[in-house]
Amino acid sequence: MAAKNENKEKLHFALGRENYKLLAIGFAIIVVGFLLMLGGKSEDPNEFNEKIFSFRRITLAPIVVLAGFIFEIWAIMKKPGEDQ
């Protein structure tokens, strides 16, 4: 009878529910950063297009991706709440 009670104990995961939600948000931030890098190709492969050097692709997108990775690290390190 004691073995059945031991099996019914709550499973303890390494991270709490809130941490997994934060990880999903961080992943979405990283995806947005990569989507910001898209585009800038030339219609003619023999012509050079200056759009590849836009502020959005060179500066903003890498900052957003880096912020997403930092958010991911924070989401992993965050201590789960008491109710979990």
Protein backbone atom coordinates (compact mmCIF):
# COMPACT_ATOMS: atom_id res chain seq x y z
CA MET A 1 0.00 0.00 0.00
CA ALA A 2 2.89 2.36 0.73
CA ALA A 3 4.28 1.86 -2.78
CA LYS A 4 1.07 3.18 -4.33
CA ASN A 5 1.28 6.36 -2.26
CA GLU A 6 4.88 6.92 -3.35
CA ASN A 7 3.89 6.63 -7.02
CA LYS A 8 1.22 9.31 -6.59
CA GLU A 9 3.74 11.91 -5.48
CA LYS A 10 3.94 15.02 -7.60
CA LEU A 11 6.61 14.93 -10.29
CA HIS A 12 9.23 17.63 -9.91
CA PHE A 13 10.62 19.12 -13.09
CA ALA A 14 13.81 21.14 -13.26
CA LEU A 15 11.89 24.26 -14.27
CA GLY A 16 8.48 25.55 -13.31
CA ARG A 17 5.54 26.34 -15.56
CA GLU A 18 6.42 30.05 -15.54
CA ASN A 19 9.95 29.28 -16.72
CA TYR A 20 8.66 27.35 -19.71
CA LYS A 21 6.35 30.22 -20.64
CA LEU A 22 9.28 32.63 -20.44
CA LEU A 23 11.38 30.30 -22.59
CA ALA A 24 8.66 30.34 -25.25
CA ILE A 25 8.59 34.15 -25.15
CA GLY A 26 12.38 34.26 -25.51
CA PHE A 27 12.22 31.91 -28.48
CA ALA A 28 9.62 34.17 -30.11
CA ILE A 29 11.91 37.19 -29.60
CA ILE A 30 14.77 35.34 -31.31
CA VAL A 31 12.51 34.39 -34.24
CA VAL A 32 11.41 38.03 -34.60
CA GLY A 33 15.08 39.06 -34.70
CA PHE A 34 15.82 36.62 -37.50
CA LEU A 35 12.72 37.74 -39.40
CA LEU A 36 14.02 41.31 -39.20
CA MET A 37 17.16 40.15 -41.04
CA LEU A 38 15.20 38.88 -44.05
CA GLY A 39 15.12 40.59 -47.41
CA GLY A 40 17.38 43.00 -49.23
CA LYS A 41 18.13 40.84 -52.23
CA SER A 42 18.46 42.30 -55.68
CA GLU A 43 16.13 41.42 -58.53
CA ASP A 44 19.11 41.00 -60.83
CA PRO A 45 21.98 38.89 -59.45
CA ASN A 46 24.49 41.03 -61.39
CA GLU A 47 23.46 44.21 -59.58
CA PHE A 48 24.44 45.13 -56.04
CA ASN A 49 21.63 46.23 -53.75
CA GLU A 50 22.44 48.65 -50.90
CA LYS A 51 19.33 47.53 -48.97
CA ILE A 52 21.30 44.71 -47.36
CA PHE A 53 23.12 47.34 -45.29
CA SER A 54 19.97 48.91 -43.80
CA PHE A 55 19.79 49.79 -40.11
CA ARG A 56 17.17 47.11 -39.57
CA ARG A 57 19.35 44.27 -40.90
CA ILE A 58 22.76 45.36 -39.61
CA THR A 59 21.95 46.85 -36.21
CA LEU A 60 18.39 46.27 -35.01
CA ALA A 61 18.02 42.57 -35.85
CA PRO A 62 21.25 41.41 -34.14
CA ILE A 63 20.35 43.43 -31.03
CA VAL A 64 16.90 41.82 -30.93
CA VAL A 65 18.42 38.33 -31.32
CA LEU A 66 20.98 39.01 -28.59
CA ALA A 67 18.22 40.33 -26.31
CA GLY A 68 16.28 37.12 -26.98
CA PHE A 69 19.24 34.96 -25.97
CA ILE A 70 19.78 37.01 -22.81
CA PHE A 71 16.07 36.66 -22.04
CA GLU A 72 16.39 32.88 -22.51
CA ILE A 73 19.27 32.71 -20.02
CA TRP A 74 17.24 34.75 -17.52
CA ALA A 75 14.20 32.50 -18.05
CA ILE A 76 16.28 29.42 -17.25
CA MET A 77 17.94 30.96 -14.20
CA LYS A 78 14.76 32.46 -12.73
CA LYS A 79 13.76 30.73 -9.54
CA PRO A 80 10.33 29.09 -9.79
CA GLY A 81 7.55 30.53 -7.63
CA GLU A 82 6.27 29.00 -4.41
CA ASP A 83 3.00 27.73 -5.91
CA GLN A 84 4.72 25.37 -8.34
